N, C-alpha and C. Protein backbone atom coordinates (compact mmCIF):
# COMPACT_ATOMS: atom_id res chain seq x y z
N MET A 1 -10.39 -6.20 -25.16
CA MET A 1 -10.44 -5.85 -23.84
C MET A 1 -9.60 -6.76 -22.97
N ASP A 2 -9.01 -6.03 -22.10
CA ASP A 2 -8.03 -6.96 -21.24
C ASP A 2 -8.88 -7.26 -20.05
N GLU A 3 -9.25 -8.59 -20.02
CA GLU A 3 -10.11 -8.91 -18.93
C GLU A 3 -9.44 -9.86 -17.98
N TYR A 4 -9.87 -9.70 -16.67
CA TYR A 4 -9.20 -10.26 -15.57
C TYR A 4 -10.24 -10.40 -14.35
N ASP A 5 -9.85 -11.30 -13.47
CA ASP A 5 -10.88 -11.52 -12.16
C ASP A 5 -10.39 -10.50 -11.05
N TYR A 6 -9.19 -10.34 -10.76
CA TYR A 6 -8.82 -9.39 -9.81
C TYR A 6 -7.39 -8.71 -10.09
N LEU A 7 -7.17 -7.47 -9.74
CA LEU A 7 -6.14 -6.57 -9.78
C LEU A 7 -5.54 -6.34 -8.65
N PHE A 8 -4.16 -6.88 -8.49
CA PHE A 8 -3.45 -6.73 -7.41
C PHE A 8 -2.29 -5.82 -7.84
N LYS A 9 -2.21 -4.93 -6.71
CA LYS A 9 -1.10 -3.98 -6.63
C LYS A 9 -0.12 -4.46 -5.99
N VAL A 10 1.12 -4.62 -6.68
CA VAL A 10 2.38 -5.17 -5.84
C VAL A 10 3.54 -4.05 -5.75
N VAL A 11 4.17 -3.69 -4.88
CA VAL A 11 5.14 -2.44 -4.84
C VAL A 11 6.55 -3.11 -4.57
N LEU A 12 7.56 -2.56 -5.71
CA LEU A 12 8.70 -3.03 -5.42
C LEU A 12 9.63 -1.83 -4.29
N ILE A 13 10.18 -2.42 -3.22
CA ILE A 13 10.91 -1.56 -2.53
C ILE A 13 12.42 -2.06 -2.15
N GLY A 14 13.22 -1.17 -1.50
CA GLY A 14 14.66 -1.25 -1.39
C GLY A 14 15.54 -0.27 -2.06
N ASP A 15 16.70 -0.30 -1.41
CA ASP A 15 17.72 0.84 -1.59
C ASP A 15 17.79 1.09 -3.13
N SER A 16 18.26 2.10 -3.70
CA SER A 16 18.51 2.30 -5.05
C SER A 16 19.58 1.60 -5.64
N GLY A 17 19.40 1.19 -6.96
CA GLY A 17 20.65 0.42 -7.45
C GLY A 17 20.52 -1.21 -7.12
N VAL A 18 19.53 -1.61 -6.44
CA VAL A 18 19.52 -3.23 -6.42
C VAL A 18 18.95 -3.84 -7.29
N GLY A 19 18.33 -3.39 -8.46
CA GLY A 19 17.67 -3.87 -9.68
C GLY A 19 16.39 -4.13 -9.51
N LYS A 20 15.59 -3.14 -8.97
CA LYS A 20 14.24 -3.27 -8.76
C LYS A 20 13.63 -2.79 -10.25
N SER A 21 14.17 -2.02 -10.98
CA SER A 21 13.35 -1.72 -12.24
C SER A 21 13.68 -2.86 -13.32
N ASN A 22 14.81 -3.44 -13.30
CA ASN A 22 15.21 -4.77 -14.02
C ASN A 22 14.38 -5.81 -13.80
N LEU A 23 14.04 -5.89 -12.43
CA LEU A 23 13.11 -7.05 -12.07
C LEU A 23 11.65 -6.73 -12.74
N LEU A 24 11.25 -5.58 -12.61
CA LEU A 24 9.93 -5.11 -13.02
C LEU A 24 10.05 -5.41 -14.70
N SER A 25 11.08 -4.81 -15.46
CA SER A 25 11.03 -5.16 -17.00
C SER A 25 11.42 -6.52 -17.31
N ARG A 26 12.14 -7.38 -16.58
CA ARG A 26 12.31 -8.74 -16.94
C ARG A 26 10.74 -9.49 -16.71
N PHE A 27 10.05 -9.35 -15.54
CA PHE A 27 8.64 -9.98 -15.48
C PHE A 27 7.71 -9.52 -16.34
N THR A 28 7.65 -8.17 -16.87
CA THR A 28 6.47 -7.68 -17.29
C THR A 28 6.93 -7.62 -18.92
N ARG A 29 8.03 -7.34 -19.25
CA ARG A 29 8.40 -7.20 -20.86
C ARG A 29 9.48 -8.30 -21.20
N ASN A 30 10.20 -9.01 -20.43
CA ASN A 30 11.33 -9.80 -20.48
C ASN A 30 12.42 -9.23 -21.12
N GLU A 31 12.74 -8.20 -20.53
CA GLU A 31 13.61 -7.12 -20.91
C GLU A 31 14.64 -6.82 -19.68
N PHE A 32 15.93 -6.60 -20.17
CA PHE A 32 17.09 -6.13 -19.23
C PHE A 32 17.96 -5.21 -19.82
N ASN A 33 18.11 -4.11 -18.95
CA ASN A 33 19.06 -2.95 -19.54
C ASN A 33 20.13 -2.83 -18.77
N LEU A 34 21.38 -3.25 -19.04
CA LEU A 34 22.62 -2.92 -18.26
C LEU A 34 22.89 -1.42 -18.17
N GLU A 35 22.26 -0.70 -18.87
CA GLU A 35 22.39 0.89 -18.87
C GLU A 35 21.39 1.60 -17.82
N SER A 36 20.59 0.66 -17.18
CA SER A 36 19.32 1.13 -16.60
C SER A 36 19.93 2.24 -15.48
N LYS A 37 19.16 3.40 -15.47
CA LYS A 37 19.33 4.69 -14.64
C LYS A 37 18.42 4.48 -13.55
N SER A 38 18.74 5.21 -12.49
CA SER A 38 17.92 5.46 -11.19
C SER A 38 16.35 5.88 -11.76
N THR A 39 15.28 5.11 -11.28
CA THR A 39 13.99 5.54 -11.63
C THR A 39 13.59 6.93 -10.91
N ILE A 40 13.08 8.06 -11.62
CA ILE A 40 12.62 9.26 -11.07
C ILE A 40 11.31 9.19 -10.90
N GLY A 41 10.93 9.15 -9.74
CA GLY A 41 9.14 9.26 -9.35
C GLY A 41 8.85 7.84 -9.58
N VAL A 42 7.65 7.64 -10.07
CA VAL A 42 7.12 6.15 -9.99
C VAL A 42 6.68 5.54 -11.22
N GLU A 43 7.05 4.45 -11.52
CA GLU A 43 6.91 3.65 -12.83
C GLU A 43 6.21 2.52 -12.50
N PHE A 44 5.15 2.05 -13.24
CA PHE A 44 4.38 0.72 -13.15
C PHE A 44 4.18 0.16 -14.34
N ALA A 45 4.21 -1.15 -14.30
CA ALA A 45 3.84 -2.01 -15.46
C ALA A 45 2.63 -3.29 -15.05
N THR A 46 2.23 -3.82 -15.90
CA THR A 46 1.26 -4.64 -15.63
C THR A 46 1.26 -6.15 -16.47
N ARG A 47 1.02 -7.22 -15.96
CA ARG A 47 1.19 -8.64 -16.63
C ARG A 47 -0.01 -9.66 -16.03
N SER A 48 -0.47 -10.15 -16.69
CA SER A 48 -1.77 -10.97 -16.08
C SER A 48 -1.10 -12.45 -15.82
N ILE A 49 -1.44 -13.28 -15.06
CA ILE A 49 -1.04 -14.56 -14.76
C ILE A 49 -2.14 -15.14 -14.41
N GLN A 50 -2.26 -16.61 -14.39
CA GLN A 50 -3.37 -17.50 -13.84
C GLN A 50 -3.00 -18.06 -12.50
N VAL A 51 -3.78 -17.86 -11.60
CA VAL A 51 -3.75 -18.62 -10.19
C VAL A 51 -5.04 -19.26 -10.02
N ASP A 52 -5.16 -20.30 -9.78
CA ASP A 52 -6.14 -21.29 -9.44
C ASP A 52 -7.13 -21.18 -10.20
N GLY A 53 -7.12 -20.95 -11.52
CA GLY A 53 -8.21 -21.02 -12.53
C GLY A 53 -8.55 -19.30 -12.85
N LYS A 54 -7.88 -18.57 -12.04
CA LYS A 54 -8.45 -16.98 -12.06
C LYS A 54 -7.47 -16.23 -12.68
N THR A 55 -7.82 -15.29 -13.54
CA THR A 55 -6.75 -14.43 -14.01
C THR A 55 -6.51 -13.27 -13.18
N ILE A 56 -5.21 -13.16 -12.65
CA ILE A 56 -4.81 -12.27 -11.85
C ILE A 56 -3.94 -10.99 -12.78
N LYS A 57 -4.64 -9.99 -12.65
CA LYS A 57 -3.58 -8.91 -13.45
C LYS A 57 -2.75 -8.24 -12.24
N ALA A 58 -1.46 -8.34 -12.44
CA ALA A 58 -0.63 -7.64 -11.36
C ALA A 58 -0.16 -6.36 -11.77
N GLN A 59 -0.44 -5.39 -11.21
CA GLN A 59 0.08 -4.05 -11.42
C GLN A 59 1.36 -3.68 -10.57
N ILE A 60 2.42 -3.74 -11.16
CA ILE A 60 3.89 -3.85 -10.32
C ILE A 60 4.26 -2.43 -10.53
N TRP A 61 4.74 -1.91 -9.20
CA TRP A 61 5.02 -0.56 -8.97
C TRP A 61 6.36 -0.33 -8.87
N ASP A 62 7.15 0.53 -9.10
CA ASP A 62 8.49 0.70 -9.14
C ASP A 62 8.96 2.17 -8.85
N THR A 63 9.78 2.41 -7.73
CA THR A 63 10.17 3.77 -7.38
C THR A 63 11.54 3.56 -6.98
N ALA A 64 12.14 4.97 -7.04
CA ALA A 64 13.61 5.03 -6.54
C ALA A 64 13.76 4.71 -4.97
N GLY A 65 14.72 4.25 -4.74
CA GLY A 65 14.94 4.09 -3.09
C GLY A 65 15.65 5.12 -2.73
N GLN A 66 16.25 6.21 -3.40
CA GLN A 66 16.90 7.38 -2.82
C GLN A 66 16.07 8.27 -1.85
N GLU A 67 16.52 8.64 -0.89
CA GLU A 67 15.99 9.33 0.19
C GLU A 67 14.95 10.49 -0.22
N ARG A 68 15.69 11.17 -1.31
CA ARG A 68 14.90 12.39 -1.69
C ARG A 68 13.39 12.05 -2.34
N TYR A 69 13.08 10.76 -2.64
CA TYR A 69 11.71 10.59 -3.05
C TYR A 69 10.94 10.03 -2.13
N ARG A 70 11.43 10.02 -0.89
CA ARG A 70 10.50 9.44 0.26
C ARG A 70 8.98 10.26 0.16
N ALA A 71 9.09 11.32 -0.34
CA ALA A 71 7.81 12.07 -0.09
C ALA A 71 6.75 11.35 -0.69
N ILE A 72 6.99 10.53 -1.73
CA ILE A 72 5.88 9.94 -2.48
C ILE A 72 5.27 8.61 -1.82
N THR A 73 5.85 8.23 -0.54
CA THR A 73 5.74 7.00 0.15
C THR A 73 4.10 6.78 0.41
N SER A 74 3.49 7.57 0.73
CA SER A 74 2.03 7.12 1.18
C SER A 74 1.34 6.80 0.07
N ALA A 75 1.25 7.61 -1.19
CA ALA A 75 0.44 7.21 -2.24
C ALA A 75 0.99 5.95 -3.08
N TYR A 76 2.44 5.85 -2.92
CA TYR A 76 2.94 4.49 -3.52
C TYR A 76 2.43 3.20 -2.75
N TYR A 77 2.31 3.34 -1.66
CA TYR A 77 1.91 1.95 -0.71
C TYR A 77 0.24 1.93 -0.65
N ARG A 78 -0.42 2.88 -1.12
CA ARG A 78 -1.91 2.92 -1.01
C ARG A 78 -2.34 1.85 -1.72
N GLY A 79 -3.16 0.82 -1.07
CA GLY A 79 -3.88 -0.11 -2.12
C GLY A 79 -3.05 -1.45 -2.39
N ALA A 80 -1.63 -1.20 -1.75
CA ALA A 80 -0.66 -2.49 -2.21
C ALA A 80 -1.16 -3.86 -1.42
N VAL A 81 -1.17 -4.78 -2.15
CA VAL A 81 -1.61 -6.02 -1.20
C VAL A 81 -0.32 -6.91 -1.22
N GLY A 82 0.83 -6.47 -2.09
CA GLY A 82 2.22 -7.35 -1.90
C GLY A 82 3.16 -6.41 -2.07
N ALA A 83 4.37 -6.81 -1.59
CA ALA A 83 5.74 -6.04 -1.53
C ALA A 83 6.78 -6.93 -1.79
N LEU A 84 7.50 -6.72 -2.77
CA LEU A 84 8.97 -7.31 -3.13
C LEU A 84 9.89 -6.45 -2.37
N LEU A 85 10.76 -6.69 -1.41
CA LEU A 85 11.77 -5.98 -0.64
C LEU A 85 12.89 -6.62 -1.13
N VAL A 86 13.63 -5.71 -1.89
CA VAL A 86 14.73 -6.21 -2.51
C VAL A 86 16.22 -5.69 -2.18
N TYR A 87 16.97 -6.37 -1.88
CA TYR A 87 18.53 -5.93 -1.75
C TYR A 87 19.30 -6.89 -2.73
N ASP A 88 20.88 -6.17 -2.89
CA ASP A 88 21.64 -6.63 -3.68
C ASP A 88 22.59 -7.57 -3.01
N ILE A 89 22.81 -8.65 -3.45
CA ILE A 89 23.50 -9.66 -2.79
C ILE A 89 24.96 -9.23 -2.62
N THR A 90 25.51 -8.33 -3.65
CA THR A 90 26.81 -7.82 -3.48
C THR A 90 27.00 -6.63 -2.67
N LYS A 91 25.95 -6.21 -2.10
CA LYS A 91 25.93 -4.98 -1.36
C LYS A 91 25.46 -4.94 0.14
N GLN A 92 26.37 -5.22 1.04
CA GLN A 92 26.04 -5.49 2.25
C GLN A 92 25.15 -4.41 2.77
N GLY A 93 25.28 -3.18 2.50
CA GLY A 93 24.48 -2.08 2.81
C GLY A 93 23.10 -2.13 2.40
N SER A 94 22.71 -2.54 1.17
CA SER A 94 21.38 -2.59 0.91
C SER A 94 20.66 -3.64 1.61
N TYR A 95 21.40 -4.73 2.17
CA TYR A 95 20.84 -5.74 3.10
C TYR A 95 20.56 -5.12 4.49
N ASP A 96 21.65 -4.31 4.95
CA ASP A 96 21.29 -3.64 6.13
C ASP A 96 20.06 -2.79 6.24
N SER A 97 19.72 -2.28 5.05
CA SER A 97 18.71 -1.41 5.03
C SER A 97 17.43 -2.05 5.00
N VAL A 98 17.28 -3.49 5.12
CA VAL A 98 16.03 -4.47 5.01
C VAL A 98 15.19 -3.98 5.99
N GLN A 99 15.85 -3.88 7.48
CA GLN A 99 15.10 -3.52 8.55
C GLN A 99 14.32 -2.12 8.25
N ARG A 100 14.96 -1.27 7.67
CA ARG A 100 14.48 0.16 7.57
C ARG A 100 13.26 0.19 6.58
N TRP A 101 13.27 -0.76 5.61
CA TRP A 101 12.31 -0.84 4.50
C TRP A 101 11.06 -1.53 5.14
N LEU A 102 11.41 -2.45 6.14
CA LEU A 102 10.28 -3.23 6.92
C LEU A 102 9.27 -2.22 7.88
N LYS A 103 10.25 -1.34 8.34
CA LYS A 103 9.48 -0.32 9.19
C LYS A 103 8.81 0.76 8.45
N GLU A 104 9.24 0.95 7.17
CA GLU A 104 8.57 1.91 6.37
C GLU A 104 7.41 1.21 5.94
N LEU A 105 7.25 -0.03 5.46
CA LEU A 105 6.08 -0.90 5.33
C LEU A 105 5.11 -0.76 6.56
N SER A 106 5.39 -1.05 7.48
CA SER A 106 4.57 -1.09 8.87
C SER A 106 3.90 0.18 9.03
N ASP A 107 4.84 1.36 8.56
CA ASP A 107 4.16 2.76 8.87
C ASP A 107 3.15 3.10 7.87
N HIS A 108 3.45 2.50 6.55
CA HIS A 108 2.65 3.15 5.44
C HIS A 108 1.77 2.27 4.78
N ALA A 109 2.07 0.90 5.04
CA ALA A 109 1.35 0.07 4.11
C ALA A 109 0.17 -0.71 5.02
N ASP A 110 -0.65 -1.33 4.19
CA ASP A 110 -1.63 -2.12 5.16
C ASP A 110 -0.91 -3.40 5.98
N SER A 111 -1.52 -3.44 7.13
CA SER A 111 -0.75 -4.36 8.10
C SER A 111 -1.04 -5.75 7.46
N ASN A 112 -2.03 -6.20 6.55
CA ASN A 112 -2.01 -7.34 5.95
C ASN A 112 -1.12 -7.57 4.34
N ILE A 113 -0.39 -6.62 4.25
CA ILE A 113 0.42 -6.86 2.96
C ILE A 113 1.31 -8.07 3.04
N VAL A 114 1.28 -8.57 1.98
CA VAL A 114 2.23 -10.06 1.78
C VAL A 114 3.78 -9.43 1.25
N ILE A 115 4.69 -9.86 2.13
CA ILE A 115 5.93 -9.38 1.74
C ILE A 115 7.02 -10.46 1.28
N MET A 116 7.73 -10.48 0.49
CA MET A 116 8.72 -11.23 0.03
C MET A 116 10.15 -10.68 -0.05
N LEU A 117 11.09 -11.44 0.78
CA LEU A 117 12.49 -10.79 0.94
C LEU A 117 13.10 -11.29 -0.45
N VAL A 118 13.76 -10.60 -1.27
CA VAL A 118 14.42 -10.93 -2.55
C VAL A 118 15.90 -10.54 -2.73
N GLY A 119 16.85 -11.39 -2.68
CA GLY A 119 18.26 -10.96 -3.04
C GLY A 119 18.51 -10.97 -4.33
N ASN A 120 18.57 -9.97 -4.83
CA ASN A 120 18.87 -9.83 -6.54
C ASN A 120 20.26 -10.00 -6.73
N LYS A 121 20.55 -9.95 -8.00
CA LYS A 121 22.06 -10.17 -8.63
C LYS A 121 22.62 -11.44 -8.30
N SER A 122 21.95 -12.54 -8.27
CA SER A 122 22.69 -13.69 -7.69
C SER A 122 23.45 -14.28 -8.94
N ASP A 123 23.47 -13.66 -9.91
CA ASP A 123 24.58 -14.11 -10.98
C ASP A 123 25.91 -13.54 -10.74
N LEU A 124 26.08 -12.75 -9.91
CA LEU A 124 27.41 -12.12 -9.56
C LEU A 124 28.00 -12.90 -8.31
N ARG A 125 27.91 -14.24 -8.43
CA ARG A 125 28.50 -14.98 -7.21
C ARG A 125 29.80 -14.66 -6.51
N HIS A 126 30.66 -14.40 -7.71
CA HIS A 126 31.87 -14.17 -7.03
C HIS A 126 32.14 -12.83 -6.38
N LEU A 127 31.06 -11.98 -6.23
CA LEU A 127 31.18 -10.62 -5.68
C LEU A 127 30.20 -10.58 -4.48
N ARG A 128 29.47 -11.93 -4.04
CA ARG A 128 28.66 -12.11 -3.11
C ARG A 128 29.26 -11.40 -1.63
N ALA A 129 28.41 -10.63 -0.96
CA ALA A 129 28.67 -9.94 0.25
C ALA A 129 27.87 -10.68 1.21
N VAL A 130 26.29 -11.00 1.06
CA VAL A 130 25.60 -11.56 1.83
C VAL A 130 25.13 -12.69 1.51
N SER A 131 25.42 -13.57 2.51
CA SER A 131 25.09 -15.25 2.31
C SER A 131 23.51 -15.42 2.16
N THR A 132 23.40 -16.57 1.20
CA THR A 132 21.99 -17.04 1.18
C THR A 132 21.21 -17.30 2.47
N GLU A 133 22.21 -18.17 3.33
CA GLU A 133 21.77 -18.43 4.62
C GLU A 133 21.28 -17.29 5.33
N ASP A 134 22.12 -16.09 5.46
CA ASP A 134 21.60 -14.97 6.26
C ASP A 134 20.43 -14.50 5.65
N GLY A 135 20.09 -14.17 4.62
CA GLY A 135 18.85 -13.70 3.89
C GLY A 135 17.51 -14.70 4.31
N LYS A 136 18.08 -16.02 4.28
CA LYS A 136 16.87 -17.19 4.22
C LYS A 136 16.69 -16.87 5.95
N ASN A 137 17.58 -17.02 6.81
CA ASN A 137 17.29 -16.87 8.33
C ASN A 137 16.68 -15.58 8.56
N PHE A 138 17.09 -14.40 8.03
CA PHE A 138 16.18 -13.19 8.67
C PHE A 138 14.72 -13.37 8.15
N ALA A 139 14.63 -13.83 6.87
CA ALA A 139 13.18 -13.89 6.30
C ALA A 139 12.35 -14.77 7.29
N ALA A 140 13.07 -16.04 7.60
CA ALA A 140 12.22 -16.67 8.60
C ALA A 140 11.91 -16.33 9.93
N GLU A 141 12.75 -15.34 10.44
CA GLU A 141 12.51 -14.64 11.59
C GLU A 141 11.27 -13.66 11.70
N CYS A 142 11.33 -13.11 10.26
CA CYS A 142 10.30 -12.10 10.13
C CYS A 142 9.06 -12.76 9.51
N LYS A 143 9.23 -14.12 9.30
CA LYS A 143 7.87 -14.64 8.73
C LYS A 143 7.72 -14.02 7.35
N LEU A 144 8.79 -13.99 6.53
CA LEU A 144 8.60 -13.60 5.23
C LEU A 144 8.94 -14.62 4.27
N SER A 145 8.38 -14.50 2.87
CA SER A 145 8.94 -15.41 1.97
C SER A 145 10.33 -14.98 1.57
N PHE A 146 11.20 -15.86 0.94
CA PHE A 146 12.63 -15.56 0.62
C PHE A 146 12.93 -16.30 -0.69
N ILE A 147 13.56 -15.25 -1.50
CA ILE A 147 14.14 -16.01 -2.90
C ILE A 147 15.33 -15.12 -3.18
N GLU A 148 16.14 -15.79 -4.14
CA GLU A 148 17.43 -15.06 -4.74
C GLU A 148 17.25 -15.12 -6.02
N THR A 149 17.23 -14.05 -7.01
CA THR A 149 16.88 -13.79 -8.23
C THR A 149 18.08 -13.11 -9.04
N SER A 150 18.08 -13.29 -10.33
CA SER A 150 18.95 -12.52 -11.16
C SER A 150 18.03 -12.01 -12.18
N ALA A 151 17.87 -10.81 -12.47
CA ALA A 151 17.15 -9.96 -13.46
C ALA A 151 17.84 -10.06 -14.76
N LEU A 152 19.45 -10.23 -14.60
CA LEU A 152 20.29 -10.30 -15.72
C LEU A 152 19.94 -11.56 -16.35
N ASP A 153 20.01 -12.75 -15.86
CA ASP A 153 19.96 -13.97 -16.60
C ASP A 153 18.44 -14.62 -16.15
N SER A 154 17.44 -13.87 -15.56
CA SER A 154 16.14 -14.47 -15.38
C SER A 154 16.07 -15.36 -14.27
N THR A 155 17.05 -15.76 -13.66
CA THR A 155 16.85 -16.73 -12.62
C THR A 155 16.03 -16.37 -11.68
N ASN A 156 14.64 -17.24 -11.37
CA ASN A 156 13.97 -17.08 -10.48
C ASN A 156 13.03 -15.94 -10.43
N VAL A 157 13.24 -14.95 -11.58
CA VAL A 157 12.16 -13.72 -11.63
C VAL A 157 10.75 -14.13 -11.64
N GLU A 158 10.51 -14.96 -12.54
CA GLU A 158 9.23 -15.50 -12.57
C GLU A 158 8.63 -16.29 -11.42
N VAL A 159 9.51 -16.98 -10.83
CA VAL A 159 8.99 -17.78 -9.62
C VAL A 159 8.64 -16.74 -8.49
N ALA A 160 9.30 -15.68 -8.37
CA ALA A 160 9.24 -14.57 -7.30
C ALA A 160 7.88 -13.98 -7.50
N PHE A 161 7.59 -13.76 -8.54
CA PHE A 161 6.32 -12.92 -9.14
C PHE A 161 5.22 -13.90 -8.71
N GLN A 162 5.20 -14.98 -9.24
CA GLN A 162 4.12 -16.01 -9.29
C GLN A 162 4.02 -16.17 -7.82
N THR A 163 5.08 -16.66 -7.16
CA THR A 163 4.88 -16.98 -5.64
C THR A 163 4.16 -15.76 -4.90
N ILE A 164 4.53 -14.63 -4.95
CA ILE A 164 4.05 -13.51 -4.29
C ILE A 164 2.52 -13.28 -4.66
N LEU A 165 2.24 -13.57 -5.96
CA LEU A 165 0.87 -13.26 -6.37
C LEU A 165 -0.04 -14.50 -5.83
N ASN A 166 0.46 -15.66 -5.73
CA ASN A 166 -0.03 -16.87 -5.08
C ASN A 166 -0.51 -16.63 -3.87
N GLU A 167 0.40 -16.16 -3.28
CA GLU A 167 0.52 -15.94 -1.59
C GLU A 167 -0.59 -14.98 -1.34
N VAL A 168 -0.72 -13.78 -2.14
CA VAL A 168 -1.71 -12.86 -1.83
C VAL A 168 -2.92 -13.19 -2.36
N TYR A 169 -3.34 -14.16 -3.11
CA TYR A 169 -4.48 -14.79 -3.51
C TYR A 169 -5.01 -15.58 -2.54
N GLN A 170 -4.06 -16.48 -1.86
CA GLN A 170 -4.53 -17.50 -1.08
C GLN A 170 -4.75 -16.74 0.49
N SER A 171 -3.96 -15.60 0.62
CA SER A 171 -4.14 -14.89 1.89
C SER A 171 -5.59 -14.43 1.94
N MET A 172 -5.87 -13.75 0.77
CA MET A 172 -6.96 -13.10 0.97
C MET A 172 -8.29 -14.21 0.73
N SER A 173 -8.14 -15.42 0.07
CA SER A 173 -9.13 -16.17 0.18
C SER A 173 -9.45 -16.93 1.50
N THR A 174 -8.10 -16.97 2.09
CA THR A 174 -8.30 -17.60 3.55
C THR A 174 -8.90 -16.44 4.44
N LYS A 175 -8.64 -15.30 4.40
CA LYS A 175 -9.32 -14.31 5.27
C LYS A 175 -10.58 -13.97 5.14
N ASN A 176 -11.08 -14.20 3.77
CA ASN A 176 -12.54 -13.96 3.24
C ASN A 176 -13.39 -15.14 3.87
N THR A 177 -12.62 -16.37 3.59
CA THR A 177 -13.44 -17.35 4.07
C THR A 177 -13.57 -17.57 5.64
N ASP A 178 -12.20 -16.83 6.31
CA ASP A 178 -12.61 -16.98 7.76
C ASP A 178 -13.43 -16.10 8.27
N SER A 179 -13.78 -14.94 7.80
CA SER A 179 -14.74 -14.04 8.25
C SER A 179 -15.96 -14.11 7.50
N ASN A 180 -16.15 -15.26 6.67
CA ASN A 180 -17.50 -15.63 5.94
C ASN A 180 -17.61 -14.58 5.11
N GLU A 181 -16.75 -13.88 4.28
CA GLU A 181 -17.10 -12.88 3.32
C GLU A 181 -16.73 -13.48 1.85
N LEU A 182 -17.43 -13.48 1.13
CA LEU A 182 -17.07 -14.07 -0.24
C LEU A 182 -16.41 -12.94 -0.98
N ILE A 183 -15.30 -13.55 -1.47
CA ILE A 183 -14.62 -12.84 -2.70
C ILE A 183 -15.31 -12.57 -3.76
N THR A 184 -15.86 -11.37 -4.18
CA THR A 184 -16.65 -11.27 -5.42
C THR A 184 -15.73 -10.74 -6.52
N ARG A 185 -16.32 -11.03 -7.87
CA ARG A 185 -15.62 -10.62 -8.96
C ARG A 185 -15.54 -9.22 -9.01
N PRO A 186 -14.47 -8.45 -9.33
CA PRO A 186 -14.74 -7.05 -9.16
C PRO A 186 -14.99 -6.63 -10.57
N THR A 187 -15.74 -5.33 -10.59
CA THR A 187 -16.11 -5.01 -11.96
C THR A 187 -14.61 -4.35 -12.66
N GLU A 188 -14.60 -4.26 -13.93
CA GLU A 188 -13.51 -3.90 -14.78
C GLU A 188 -12.60 -2.73 -14.25
N GLY A 189 -11.39 -3.14 -13.90
CA GLY A 189 -10.47 -1.98 -13.34
C GLY A 189 -10.43 -1.60 -11.83
N GLN A 190 -11.37 -2.49 -11.08
CA GLN A 190 -11.40 -2.25 -9.63
C GLN A 190 -10.12 -2.96 -9.09
N THR A 191 -9.65 -2.33 -8.23
CA THR A 191 -8.44 -2.74 -7.42
C THR A 191 -8.91 -3.51 -6.20
N ILE A 192 -8.52 -4.79 -5.71
CA ILE A 192 -9.16 -5.43 -4.76
C ILE A 192 -7.95 -5.02 -3.60
N ILE A 193 -8.74 -4.45 -2.34
CA ILE A 193 -7.67 -3.76 -1.45
C ILE A 193 -7.85 -4.62 -0.21
N VAL A 194 -6.95 -5.06 0.39
CA VAL A 194 -7.07 -5.53 1.71
C VAL A 194 -7.51 -4.87 2.83
N SER A 195 -8.52 -4.99 3.65
CA SER A 195 -9.18 -3.89 4.35
C SER A 195 -8.16 -3.41 5.19
N SER A 196 -8.15 -1.96 5.29
CA SER A 196 -7.20 -1.20 6.01
C SER A 196 -7.42 -1.29 7.51
N SER A 197 -6.32 -1.56 8.22
CA SER A 197 -6.36 -1.66 9.54
C SER A 197 -5.13 -1.17 10.26
N LYS A 198 -4.84 0.12 10.04
CA LYS A 198 -3.63 0.78 10.56
C LYS A 198 -3.47 0.44 11.94
N GLU A 199 -4.76 0.30 12.75
CA GLU A 199 -4.51 -0.03 14.21
C GLU A 199 -3.98 -1.10 14.49
N ASN A 200 -4.02 -2.19 13.83
CA ASN A 200 -3.56 -3.44 13.79
C ASN A 200 -2.08 -3.32 14.25
N THR A 201 -1.57 -3.88 15.42
CA THR A 201 -0.27 -3.68 15.78
C THR A 201 0.68 -4.78 15.22
N LYS A 202 0.01 -5.98 14.83
CA LYS A 202 1.02 -6.74 14.13
C LYS A 202 1.30 -6.38 12.87
N ALA A 203 2.09 -5.30 12.63
CA ALA A 203 2.50 -4.86 11.43
C ALA A 203 4.00 -5.44 11.10
N ALA A 204 4.43 -5.38 9.90
CA ALA A 204 5.66 -5.78 9.40
C ALA A 204 6.78 -4.91 10.08
N GLY A 205 7.83 -5.57 10.15
CA GLY A 205 8.98 -4.59 10.84
C GLY A 205 9.07 -4.91 12.34
N LYS A 206 8.35 -5.61 12.94
CA LYS A 206 8.19 -5.98 14.40
C LYS A 206 9.04 -7.18 14.79
N CYS A 207 9.59 -7.70 13.77
CA CYS A 207 10.40 -9.40 14.16
C CYS A 207 11.26 -9.14 14.62
N CYS A 208 12.19 -8.27 14.83
CA CYS A 208 13.56 -8.43 15.23
C CYS A 208 13.71 -7.36 16.42
């Protein structure tokens, strides 16, 4: 039986072709597929890690970034406690779309969702179109975590997922401590969801 203390749903978002599916397969299966095709619909995979002595089961969701799949938005974001917003460092257009994805998060995700900005394909240094500095500064402005990764050679993939899961755990622990609510161990298969507060105006995407 797959035992865990918490189940965290993390969504991968960003334009099509930025490498979301390969980040997912690298983290959950340690695989990379150069022939990777655009994801149709939704795919998710799981992997458990240890955080602060607790077993966190990460349920990572991946969907295509193309406009025609936008209809699945609400269900995709429902219950998500973390989001990796991915762009391709060799495609300026995918970086320019980051603001739109933040808006999407503020419209559809919980206002307490933890967001990390990820510049993927860092192995393609010679084709770089977006500087590390630009990504870092934008993330700082928006109060997001930031990292550059390469699903191809594994650089920082583990670190990115470990960091966001750790941040989600810490954020929930603090939130529950502040409100004097104890985080209790969930029953098998129960998803921990940060309390929904659509009315909360400090949603993501308001940073710029």
